[in-house]
């Protein structure tokens, strides 16, 4: 994952991946029929690893929905090296998926999982009276679009969009519809 994120799927050498993994290049080629298959598996692994970390952090103390939602937004922005690597993998997927229809189902599947995670938190918050009644699907789509849009500016180190401002802007856009303070 690190090598793909840092060098790009088209530039990374399979031999280097094998060396980093402590296996032969032949074994990598055996398990991954193409670079796209390697990217897909790296994204799946990245999503699972990041998801495990996200869930562990959020489940401790079972915070209220607004606090969970704020933490989820934070975990979906490129705020540290690991999350930046995850973001670069997503950018690789977006670019390749835009050019190659075969990768679009991978993007759709990963987005569906991310969507379900956010939708569950928003729905739980509405049910618990912690969030204002809202169209859960629409709010989830908006949250993910905001995260993607502001996140790419953070990733590319836009001087006008530091991570703190991205967090604040995302929250400011979502808070009124959910009945929360900015």
C-alpha atoms as a PDB file:
ATOM      1  CA  UNK A   1       0.000   0.000   0.000  1.00  0.00           C
ATOM      2  CA  UNK A   2       2.736   2.456   0.944  1.00  0.00           C
ATOM      3  CA  UNK A   3       4.670   1.869  -2.253  1.00  0.00           C
ATOM      4  CA  UNK A   4       1.610   2.230  -4.461  1.00  0.00           C
ATOM      5  CA  UNK A   5       0.571   5.377  -2.623  1.00  0.00           C
ATOM      6  CA  UNK A   6       4.001   6.951  -2.813  1.00  0.00           C
ATOM      7  CA  UNK A   7       5.043   5.890  -6.323  1.00  0.00           C
ATOM      8  CA  UNK A   8       1.736   5.357  -8.105  1.00  0.00           C
ATOM      9  CA  UNK A   9       0.386   2.082  -9.392  1.00  0.00           C
ATOM     10  CA  UNK A  10       1.908   2.608 -12.837  1.00  0.00           C
ATOM     11  CA  UNK A  11       5.359   3.499 -11.516  1.00  0.00           C
ATOM     12  CA  UNK A  12       5.818   1.013  -8.702  1.00  0.00           C
ATOM     13  CA  UNK A  13       7.889  -2.024  -9.580  1.00  0.00           C
ATOM     14  CA  UNK A  14       6.425  -5.415  -8.748  1.00  0.00           C
ATOM     15  CA  UNK A  15       9.901  -6.595  -7.737  1.00  0.00           C
ATOM     16  CA  UNK A  16      10.082  -3.798  -5.186  1.00  0.00           C
ATOM     17  CA  UNK A  17       6.668  -4.695  -3.786  1.00  0.00           C
ATOM     18  CA  UNK A  18       7.798  -8.307  -3.491  1.00  0.00           C
ATOM     19  CA  UNK A  19      11.001  -7.292  -1.719  1.00  0.00           C
ATOM     20  CA  UNK A  20       9.062  -5.110   0.749  1.00  0.00           C
ATOM     21  CA  UNK A  21       6.649  -7.987   1.386  1.00  0.00           C
ATOM     22  CA  UNK A  22       9.455 -10.533   1.736  1.00  0.00           C
ATOM     23  CA  UNK A  23       8.185 -12.721  -1.109  1.00  0.00           C
ATOM     24  CA  UNK A  24       9.206 -13.438  -4.696  1.00  0.00           C
ATOM     25  CA  UNK A  25       8.011 -11.320  -7.614  1.00  0.00           C
ATOM     26  CA  UNK A  26       6.568 -14.514  -9.075  1.00  0.00           C
ATOM     27  CA  UNK A  27       4.337 -14.930  -6.040  1.00  0.00           C
ATOM     28  CA  UNK A  28       3.023 -11.374  -6.426  1.00  0.00           C
ATOM     29  CA  UNK A  29       2.292 -12.013 -10.113  1.00  0.00           C
ATOM     30  CA  UNK A  30       0.615 -15.325  -9.207  1.00  0.00           C
ATOM     31  CA  UNK A  31      -1.819 -13.658  -6.771  1.00  0.00           C
ATOM     32  CA  UNK A  32      -2.430 -10.476  -8.782  1.00  0.00           C
ATOM     33  CA  UNK A  33      -3.197 -10.896 -12.461  1.00  0.00           C
ATOM     34  CA  UNK A  34      -2.775  -7.181 -13.151  1.00  0.00           C
ATOM     35  CA  UNK A  35      -1.782  -3.862 -11.617  1.00  0.00           C
ATOM     36  CA  UNK A  36      -5.481  -3.050 -11.337  1.00  0.00           C
ATOM     37  CA  UNK A  37      -5.992  -6.199  -9.265  1.00  0.00           C
ATOM     38  CA  UNK A  38      -3.087  -5.151  -7.054  1.00  0.00           C
ATOM     39  CA  UNK A  39      -4.569  -1.651  -6.654  1.00  0.00           C
ATOM     40  CA  UNK A  40      -7.976  -3.130  -5.849  1.00  0.00           C
ATOM     41  CA  UNK A  41      -6.543  -5.357  -3.126  1.00  0.00           C
ATOM     42  CA  UNK A  42      -4.446  -2.502  -1.720  1.00  0.00           C
ATOM     43  CA  UNK A  43      -7.597  -0.368  -1.498  1.00  0.00           C
ATOM     44  CA  UNK A  44      -9.569  -3.171   0.144  1.00  0.00           C
ATOM     45  CA  UNK A  45      -6.801  -3.719   2.675  1.00  0.00           C
ATOM     46  CA  UNK A  46      -6.437   0.001   3.279  1.00  0.00           C
ATOM     47  CA  UNK A  47     -10.180   0.358   3.812  1.00  0.00           C
ATOM     48  CA  UNK A  48     -10.287  -2.585   6.218  1.00  0.00           C
ATOM     49  CA  UNK A  49      -7.267  -1.384   8.200  1.00  0.00           C
ATOM     50  CA  UNK A  50      -8.509   2.190   8.379  1.00  0.00           C
ATOM     51  CA  UNK A  51     -12.012   0.974   9.176  1.00  0.00           C
ATOM     52  CA  UNK A  52     -10.764  -1.123  12.055  1.00  0.00           C
ATOM     53  CA  UNK A  53      -8.917   1.878  13.465  1.00  0.00           C
ATOM     54  CA  UNK A  54     -11.924   4.133  12.933  1.00  0.00           C
ATOM     55  CA  UNK A  55     -14.335   1.764  14.606  1.00  0.00           C
ATOM     56  CA  UNK A  56     -12.041   1.085  17.546  1.00  0.00           C
ATOM     57  CA  UNK A  57     -11.612   4.791  18.177  1.00  0.00           C
ATOM     58  CA  UNK A  58     -15.322   5.517  17.900  1.00  0.00           C
ATOM     59  CA  UNK A  59     -16.659   2.568  19.833  1.00  0.00           C
ATOM     60  CA  UNK A  60     -14.754   3.415  22.984  1.00  0.00           C
ATOM     61  CA  UNK A  61     -17.216   5.064  25.324  1.00  0.00           C
ATOM     62  CA  UNK A  62     -19.965   4.970  22.671  1.00  0.00           C
ATOM     63  CA  UNK A  63     -20.001   8.704  22.032  1.00  0.00           C
ATOM     64  CA  UNK A  64     -23.141  10.549  20.982  1.00  0.00           C
ATOM     65  CA  UNK A  65     -23.869  10.783  17.251  1.00  0.00           C
ATOM     66  CA  UNK A  66     -22.563  14.358  16.805  1.00  0.00           C
ATOM     67  CA  UNK A  67     -19.217  13.423  18.370  1.00  0.00           C
ATOM     68  CA  UNK A  68     -19.041  10.212  16.346  1.00  0.00           C
ATOM     69  CA  UNK A  69     -19.857  12.100  13.154  1.00  0.00           C
ATOM     70  CA  UNK A  70     -17.152  14.693  13.875  1.00  0.00           C
ATOM     71  CA  UNK A  71     -14.621  11.906  14.530  1.00  0.00           C
ATOM     72  CA  UNK A  72     -15.675  10.101  11.345  1.00  0.00           C
ATOM     73  CA  UNK A  73     -15.140  13.242   9.290  1.00  0.00           C
ATOM     74  CA  UNK A  74     -11.736  13.635  10.877  1.00  0.00           C
ATOM     75  CA  UNK A  75     -10.824  10.006  10.122  1.00  0.00           C
ATOM     76  CA  UNK A  76     -11.789  10.495   6.474  1.00  0.00           C
ATOM     77  CA  UNK A  77      -9.511  13.482   5.879  1.00  0.00           C
ATOM     78  CA  UNK A  78      -5.804  13.149   5.011  1.00  0.00           C
ATOM     79  CA  UNK A  79      -4.643  14.317   8.435  1.00  0.00           C
ATOM     80  CA  UNK A  80      -1.620  12.046   8.953  1.00  0.00           C
ATOM     81  CA  UNK A  81       0.809  10.015   6.826  1.00  0.00           C
ATOM     82  CA  UNK A  82      -1.277   6.861   6.893  1.00  0.00           C
ATOM     83  CA  UNK A  83      -4.501   8.665   5.947  1.00  0.00           C
ATOM     84  CA  UNK A  84      -2.624  10.588   3.239  1.00  0.00           C
ATOM     85  CA  UNK A  85      -1.488   7.257   1.773  1.00  0.00           C
ATOM     86  CA  UNK A  86      -5.091   6.027   1.871  1.00  0.00           C
ATOM     87  CA  UNK A  87      -6.161   9.161   0.040  1.00  0.00           C
ATOM     88  CA  UNK A  88      -3.553   8.697  -2.671  1.00  0.00           C
ATOM     89  CA  UNK A  89      -4.843   5.159  -3.218  1.00  0.00           C
ATOM     90  CA  UNK A  90      -8.357   6.576  -3.644  1.00  0.00           C
ATOM     91  CA  UNK A  91      -7.059   9.152  -6.130  1.00  0.00           C
ATOM     92  CA  UNK A  92      -5.411   6.316  -8.060  1.00  0.00           C
ATOM     93  CA  UNK A  93      -8.760   4.524  -8.113  1.00  0.00           C
ATOM     94  CA  UNK A  94     -10.648   7.642  -9.221  1.00  0.00           C
ATOM     95  CA  UNK A  95      -8.221   8.260 -12.077  1.00  0.00           C
ATOM     96  CA  UNK A  96      -8.101   4.668 -13.250  1.00  0.00           C
ATOM     97  CA  UNK A  97     -11.854   4.233 -12.814  1.00  0.00           C
ATOM     98  CA  UNK A  98     -12.477   7.330 -14.918  1.00  0.00           C
ATOM     99  CA  UNK A  99     -10.479   5.744 -17.740  1.00  0.00           C
ATOM    100  CA  UNK A 100     -11.279   2.069 -17.229  1.00  0.00           C
ATOM    101  CA  UNK A 101     -14.889   0.997 -16.667  1.00  0.00           C
ATOM    102  CA  UNK A 102     -13.698  -2.330 -15.184  1.00  0.00           C
ATOM    103  CA  UNK A 103     -12.553  -0.520 -12.018  1.00  0.00           C
ATOM    104  CA  UNK A 104     -15.783   1.410 -11.464  1.00  0.00           C
ATOM    105  CA  UNK A 105     -17.446  -1.420  -9.524  1.00  0.00           C
ATOM    106  CA  UNK A 106     -14.511  -1.374  -7.065  1.00  0.00           C
ATOM    107  CA  UNK A 107     -15.058   2.338  -6.425  1.00  0.00           C
ATOM    108  CA  UNK A 108     -18.807   1.813  -6.110  1.00  0.00           C
ATOM    109  CA  UNK A 109     -18.350  -1.045  -3.636  1.00  0.00           C
ATOM    110  CA  UNK A 110     -15.944   0.917  -1.431  1.00  0.00           C
ATOM    111  CA  UNK A 111     -18.149   4.013  -1.519  1.00  0.00           C
ATOM    112  CA  UNK A 112     -21.171   1.891  -0.608  1.00  0.00           C
ATOM    113  CA  UNK A 113     -19.377   0.678   2.508  1.00  0.00           C
ATOM    114  CA  UNK A 114     -18.319   4.198   3.446  1.00  0.00           C
ATOM    115  CA  UNK A 115     -21.840   5.438   2.756  1.00  0.00           C
ATOM    116  CA  UNK A 116     -23.337   2.741   4.977  1.00  0.00           C
ATOM    117  CA  UNK A 117     -20.987   3.689   7.826  1.00  0.00           C
ATOM    118  CA  UNK A 118     -22.016   7.354   7.708  1.00  0.00           C
ATOM    119  CA  UNK A 119     -25.697   6.581   7.089  1.00  0.00           C
ATOM    120  CA  UNK A 120     -25.840   4.322  10.131  1.00  0.00           C
ATOM    121  CA  UNK A 121     -24.379   6.999  12.388  1.00  0.00           C
ATOM    122  CA  UNK A 122     -26.737   9.674  11.053  1.00  0.00           C
ATOM    123  CA  UNK A 123     -29.774   7.375  11.307  1.00  0.00           C
ATOM    124  CA  UNK A 124     -28.809   6.352  14.854  1.00  0.00           C
ATOM    125  CA  UNK A 125     -28.428  10.012  15.809  1.00  0.00           C
ATOM    126  CA  UNK A 126     -31.849  10.862  14.418  1.00  0.00           C
ATOM    127  CA  UNK A 127     -33.437   7.887  16.196  1.00  0.00           C
ATOM    128  CA  UNK A 128     -31.786   8.913  19.490  1.00  0.00           C
ATOM    129  CA  UNK A 129     -32.939  12.517  19.107  1.00  0.00           C
ATOM    130  CA  UNK A 130     -29.320  13.716  18.898  1.00  0.00           C
ATOM    131  CA  UNK A 131     -29.701  14.901  15.298  1.00  0.00           C
ATOM    132  CA  UNK A 132     -32.575  16.667  13.560  1.00  0.00           C
ATOM    133  CA  UNK A 133     -34.705  14.498  11.303  1.00  0.00           C
ATOM    134  CA  UNK A 134     -33.183  14.600   7.829  1.00  0.00           C
ATOM    135  CA  UNK A 135     -32.970  12.579   4.630  1.00  0.00           C
ATOM    136  CA  UNK A 136     -30.223  10.143   5.684  1.00  0.00           C
ATOM    137  CA  UNK A 137     -29.156   9.228   2.151  1.00  0.00           C
ATOM    138  CA  UNK A 138     -28.948  12.855   1.083  1.00  0.00           C
ATOM    139  CA  UNK A 139     -27.022  13.906   4.198  1.00  0.00           C
ATOM    140  CA  UNK A 140     -24.610  11.013   3.743  1.00  0.00           C
ATOM    141  CA  UNK A 141     -24.037  11.857   0.090  1.00  0.00           C
ATOM    142  CA  UNK A 142     -23.431  15.483   1.045  1.00  0.00           C
ATOM    143  CA  UNK A 143     -21.000  14.543   3.812  1.00  0.00           C
ATOM    144  CA  UNK A 144     -18.963  12.306   1.513  1.00  0.00           C
ATOM    145  CA  UNK A 145     -18.936  14.889  -1.285  1.00  0.00           C
ATOM    146  CA  UNK A 146     -17.724  17.553   1.134  1.00  0.00           C
ATOM    147  CA  UNK A 147     -15.052  15.247   2.539  1.00  0.00           C
ATOM    148  CA  UNK A 148     -13.862  14.371  -0.977  1.00  0.00           C
ATOM    149  CA  UNK A 149     -13.825  17.971  -2.146  1.00  0.00           C
ATOM    150  CA  UNK A 150     -12.127  19.508   0.849  1.00  0.00           C
ATOM    151  CA  UNK A 151      -9.943  16.453   1.360  1.00  0.00           C
ATOM    152  CA  UNK A 152      -8.367  16.714  -2.076  1.00  0.00           C
ATOM    153  CA  UNK A 153      -7.449  20.325  -1.334  1.00  0.00           C
ATOM    154  CA  UNK A 154      -5.851  19.259   1.948  1.00  0.00           C
ATOM    155  CA  UNK A 155      -4.045  16.396   0.199  1.00  0.00           C
ATOM    156  CA  UNK A 156      -2.594  18.744  -2.415  1.00  0.00           C
ATOM    157  CA  UNK A 157      -1.572  21.129   0.376  1.00  0.00           C
ATOM    158  CA  UNK A 158      -3.627  24.048  -0.891  1.00  0.00           C
ATOM    159  CA  UNK A 159      -2.425  26.909   1.351  1.00  0.00           C
ATOM    160  CA  UNK A 160      -5.994  28.207   1.514  1.00  0.00           C
ATOM    161  CA  UNK A 161      -7.296  24.883   2.864  1.00  0.00           C
ATOM    162  CA  UNK A 162      -5.425  23.610   5.920  1.00  0.00           C
ATOM    163  CA  UNK A 163      -6.946  20.571   7.618  1.00  0.00           C
ATOM    164  CA  UNK A 164      -8.500  22.684  10.383  1.00  0.00           C
ATOM    165  CA  UNK A 165     -10.391  24.799   7.875  1.00  0.00           C
ATOM    166  CA  UNK A 166     -11.521  21.708   5.942  1.00  0.00           C
ATOM    167  CA  UNK A 167     -12.978  20.226   9.134  1.00  0.00           C
ATOM    168  CA  UNK A 168     -14.711  23.494   9.987  1.00  0.00           C
ATOM    169  CA  UNK A 169     -16.146  23.957   6.481  1.00  0.00           C
ATOM    170  CA  UNK A 170     -17.492  20.412   6.309  1.00  0.00           C
ATOM    171  CA  UNK A 171     -19.088  20.737   9.719  1.00  0.00           C
ATOM    172  CA  UNK A 172     -20.520  24.170   8.902  1.00  0.00           C
ATOM    173  CA  UNK A 173     -22.188  22.737   5.795  1.00  0.00           C
ATOM    174  CA  UNK A 174     -23.707  19.733   7.614  1.00  0.00           C
ATOM    175  CA  UNK A 175     -24.544  21.161  11.051  1.00  0.00           C
ATOM    176  CA  UNK A 176     -27.600  23.300  10.170  1.00  0.00           C
ATOM    177  CA  UNK A 177     -29.455  20.440   8.474  1.00  0.00           C
ATOM    178  CA  UNK A 178     -28.697  18.134  11.381  1.00  0.00           C
ATOM    179  CA  UNK A 179     -29.712  20.673  14.016  1.00  0.00           C
ATOM    180  CA  UNK A 180     -26.200  21.120  15.386  1.00  0.00           C
ATOM    181  CA  UNK A 181     -24.044  24.099  16.288  1.00  0.00           C
ATOM    182  CA  UNK A 182     -21.207  24.952  13.944  1.00  0.00           C
END
